[in-house]
Protein backbone atom coordinates (compact mmCIF):
# COMPACT_ATOMS: atom_id res chain seq x y z
CA MET A 1 -1.91 -15.06 -16.68
CA SER A 2 -0.84 -18.61 -16.40
CA ASP A 3 -2.38 -21.05 -13.92
CA TRP A 4 0.69 -21.32 -11.68
CA LEU A 5 1.22 -17.54 -11.23
CA ILE A 6 -1.52 -16.87 -8.67
CA PRO A 7 -0.62 -19.75 -6.31
CA ALA A 8 3.04 -18.77 -6.61
CA LEU A 9 2.20 -15.17 -5.61
CA VAL A 10 0.12 -16.40 -2.63
CA ILE A 11 3.00 -18.58 -1.42
CA LEU A 12 5.47 -15.72 -1.88
CA VAL A 13 3.27 -13.31 0.13
CA LEU A 14 2.85 -15.90 2.91
CA LEU A 15 6.61 -16.38 3.08
CA LEU A 16 7.33 -12.65 3.12
CA PHE A 17 4.73 -11.48 5.63
CA GLY A 18 3.75 -14.60 7.56
CA SER A 19 0.32 -15.90 8.36
CA ARG A 20 -0.08 -13.66 11.43
CA ARG A 21 0.43 -10.36 9.63
CA LEU A 22 -1.85 -11.03 6.65
CA PRO A 23 -5.18 -10.67 8.53
CA GLU A 24 -3.92 -7.46 10.16
CA MET A 25 -2.87 -6.06 6.80
CA ALA A 26 -6.19 -7.02 5.18
CA ARG A 27 -8.15 -5.41 8.03
CA SER A 28 -6.08 -2.24 7.82
CA PHE A 29 -6.51 -2.10 4.06
CA GLY A 30 -10.29 -2.54 4.42
CA GLN A 31 -10.53 0.29 6.96
CA SER A 32 -8.43 2.57 4.78
CA LEU A 33 -10.60 1.78 1.76
CA LYS A 34 -13.78 2.49 3.75
CA ILE A 35 -12.42 5.87 4.91
CA PHE A 36 -11.30 6.74 1.38
CA ARG A 37 -14.74 5.92 -0.06
CA SER A 38 -16.54 7.99 2.57
CA GLU A 39 -14.25 10.96 1.91
CA THR A 40 -14.63 10.78 -1.86
CA LYS A 41 -18.41 10.39 -1.63
CA GLY A 42 -18.65 13.72 0.21
CA ALA A 43 -16.46 15.46 -2.34
CA SER A 44 -18.29 14.34 -5.48
CA ALA A 45 -18.56 17.87 -6.86
CA PRO A 46 -15.41 19.99 -6.59
CA GLU A 47 -15.88 23.43 -5.17
CA ILE A 48 -15.05 25.97 -7.85
CA PRO A 49 -14.88 29.60 -6.76
CA ALA A 50 -17.33 31.88 -8.50
CA PRO A 51 -15.73 34.08 -11.16
CA GLN A 52 -15.26 37.68 -10.16
CA GLN A 53 -17.40 40.22 -11.92
CA VAL A 54 -15.40 42.68 -14.00
CA GLN A 55 -16.84 46.17 -14.19
CA PRO A 56 -16.82 47.63 -17.71
CA PRO A 57 -15.16 51.04 -17.99
CA SER A 58 -17.49 53.98 -17.51
CA PRO A 59 -18.41 55.98 -20.62
CA ASP A 60 -16.88 59.18 -19.21
CA GLY A 61 -13.41 57.62 -19.31
CA ALA A 62 -12.82 57.67 -15.56
CA ALA A 63 -11.39 54.14 -15.66
CA THR A 64 -8.76 54.93 -18.28
CA PRO A 65 -5.41 56.10 -16.93
CA LYS A 66 -4.44 59.61 -17.81
CA PRO A 67 -1.03 60.11 -19.43
CA GLU A 68 1.60 61.87 -17.42
CA PRO A 69 2.91 65.18 -18.67
CA GLY A 70 5.52 64.64 -21.36
CA GLN A 71 4.15 61.25 -22.45
CA LEU A 72 2.80 60.71 -25.91
CA ARG A 73 -0.53 59.06 -26.38
């Protein structure tokens, strides 16, 4: 960045928003940032649902579907 860019941006922001609105905007931004940090601190580890247990088929074949009459295996 060149040396004149930052002062030019500050002057532009002052002209656009005015000196009265800048402290309000900074305060609002600070409060929003504080709320965001407190919310993300509590959610550091995402909650992942436990995988469902799948029952293996029983050895007697009760879990396998029986073919309907007239169907080939």
